[in-house]
Amino acid sequence: MSSRQTILVVEDNKYQLLLYKQELSLEGYNIITAKDDSEAVKKLQEHAPALVVMNIIIPKMDFFESMGRIINERKKIPIIINTAYSCYKDNFMSWGADAYIIKSSDLSELKNKIKELLGNTE
């Protein structure tokens, strides 16, 4: 199915990455993954995803710098910050993200926000 929208998931935890890949693939998305910022920028250039889901705390990266690199690379791609750190939520608007979601074992909020940002709501 060639009309599947591609989502880039940037996450340093391999188990979380696997969960997102499985769950979002079941929703009908093509999922590409990256473990750090340099890999994320490379994948952005190679695949031009429709949306990016990224964690705040990732090895080998300065989050703010990476956000800037991703935004500069693909200015119109929606970005969802998906993190366990609720303390950053009040500052997320200044980072240029479109949404800020606290990690949960229930991915409903994340899935709904992806559908909303990609215009896939029923």
Protein backbone atom coordinates (compact mmCIF):
# COMPACT_ATOMS: atom_id res chain seq x y z
CA MET A 1 0.00 0.00 0.00
CA SER A 2 1.99 2.98 -1.28
CA SER A 3 -0.23 5.67 0.28
CA ARG A 4 0.90 4.80 3.82
CA GLN A 5 2.22 7.86 5.62
CA THR A 6 5.74 7.58 7.00
CA ILE A 7 6.53 8.45 10.60
CA LEU A 8 10.05 8.84 11.98
CA VAL A 9 10.33 7.70 15.62
CA VAL A 10 13.45 8.93 17.45
CA GLU A 11 13.94 6.96 20.66
CA ASP A 12 17.02 5.67 22.50
CA ASN A 13 15.25 2.79 24.30
CA LYS A 14 15.21 -0.19 21.93
CA TYR A 15 12.19 -1.80 23.63
CA GLN A 16 10.17 1.41 23.44
CA LEU A 17 11.23 1.78 19.80
CA LEU A 18 10.03 -1.74 19.02
CA LEU A 19 6.71 -1.11 20.77
CA TYR A 20 6.10 2.10 18.81
CA LYS A 21 7.09 0.46 15.54
CA GLN A 22 4.68 -2.45 16.11
CA GLU A 23 1.78 -0.36 17.40
CA LEU A 24 2.01 2.39 14.80
CA SER A 25 2.50 -0.10 11.95
CA LEU A 26 -0.79 -1.71 13.03
CA GLU A 27 -2.39 1.73 12.64
CA GLY A 28 -1.34 1.67 8.97
CA TYR A 29 1.77 3.86 9.09
CA ASN A 30 5.17 3.14 7.60
CA ILE A 31 7.59 3.49 10.54
CA ILE A 32 11.25 4.40 10.30
CA THR A 33 13.36 4.67 13.43
CA ALA A 34 16.44 6.46 14.72
CA LYS A 35 18.36 6.04 17.97
CA ASP A 36 20.01 9.49 18.04
CA ASP A 37 19.97 12.89 16.38
CA SER A 38 22.51 12.26 13.63
CA GLU A 39 20.63 9.14 12.56
CA ALA A 40 17.36 11.11 12.74
CA VAL A 41 18.63 13.88 10.44
CA LYS A 42 19.95 11.27 7.99
CA LYS A 43 16.58 9.46 7.97
CA LEU A 44 14.79 12.80 7.45
CA GLN A 45 16.87 13.40 4.33
CA GLU A 46 16.40 9.85 3.01
CA HIS A 47 12.69 9.33 3.71
CA ALA A 48 10.95 12.74 4.10
CA PRO A 49 8.50 11.47 6.75
CA ALA A 50 5.09 13.07 7.27
CA LEU A 51 5.64 13.36 11.06
CA VAL A 52 8.36 12.94 13.72
CA VAL A 53 7.87 11.45 17.19
CA MET A 54 10.89 12.09 19.40
CA ASN A 55 12.04 11.55 22.96
CA ILE A 56 13.75 14.38 24.86
CA ILE A 57 16.56 12.39 26.47
CA ILE A 58 18.58 10.65 23.77
CA PRO A 59 22.28 9.67 23.86
CA LYS A 60 24.80 11.73 21.90
CA MET A 61 22.50 14.68 21.37
CA ASP A 62 21.59 18.08 22.65
CA PHE A 63 17.80 18.05 22.43
CA PHE A 64 17.37 21.74 21.57
CA GLU A 65 20.04 21.57 18.87
CA SER A 66 18.45 18.44 17.40
CA MET A 67 15.00 20.04 17.40
CA GLY A 68 16.49 22.95 15.47
CA ARG A 69 18.23 20.65 12.99
CA ILE A 70 15.03 18.70 12.36
CA ILE A 71 12.94 21.85 11.97
CA ASN A 72 15.50 23.39 9.60
CA GLU A 73 15.69 20.18 7.58
CA ARG A 74 11.94 19.81 7.10
CA LYS A 75 10.13 22.95 8.23
CA LYS A 76 6.59 21.70 7.74
CA ILE A 77 6.86 18.30 9.41
CA PRO A 78 4.80 18.07 12.62
CA ILE A 79 6.88 17.07 15.65
CA ILE A 80 5.52 15.26 18.70
CA ILE A 81 7.70 15.22 21.79
CA ASN A 82 7.05 11.92 23.54
CA THR A 83 8.83 11.70 26.88
CA ALA A 84 8.63 10.47 30.45
CA TYR A 85 9.67 13.93 31.67
CA SER A 86 6.56 15.97 32.44
CA CYS A 87 8.68 18.76 33.96
CA TYR A 88 9.55 20.05 30.47
CA LYS A 89 5.96 20.35 29.31
CA ASP A 90 5.58 24.05 30.20
CA ASN A 91 8.53 24.94 27.99
CA PHE A 92 7.69 22.86 24.93
CA MET A 93 6.11 25.70 22.93
CA SER A 94 9.46 27.42 22.65
CA TRP A 95 10.94 24.25 21.13
CA GLY A 96 8.73 24.40 18.06
CA ALA A 97 7.00 21.09 18.71
CA ASP A 98 3.39 20.56 17.68
CA ALA A 99 2.51 18.37 20.67
CA TYR A 100 3.97 17.14 23.96
CA ILE A 101 2.84 13.74 25.20
CA ILE A 102 3.92 12.00 28.40
CA LYS A 103 4.95 8.39 27.77
CA SER A 104 2.46 5.75 28.81
CA SER A 105 1.95 2.04 28.26
CA ASP A 106 -1.35 3.10 26.67
CA LEU A 107 -0.46 4.64 23.30
CA SER A 108 -3.99 5.96 22.63
CA GLU A 109 -3.09 9.61 23.24
CA LEU A 110 -0.05 9.35 20.96
CA LYS A 111 -2.03 7.58 18.23
CA ASN A 112 -4.84 10.13 18.42
CA LYS A 113 -2.43 13.07 18.23
CA ILE A 114 -0.69 11.51 15.20
CA LYS A 115 -4.05 11.11 13.44
CA GLU A 116 -4.98 14.69 14.30
CA LEU A 117 -1.69 16.19 13.07
CA LEU A 118 -1.76 14.15 9.86
CA GLY A 119 -5.41 14.96 9.22
CA ASN A 120 -6.49 11.33 9.53
CA THR A 121 -9.37 11.82 11.93
CA GLU A 122 -12.60 10.10 11.06
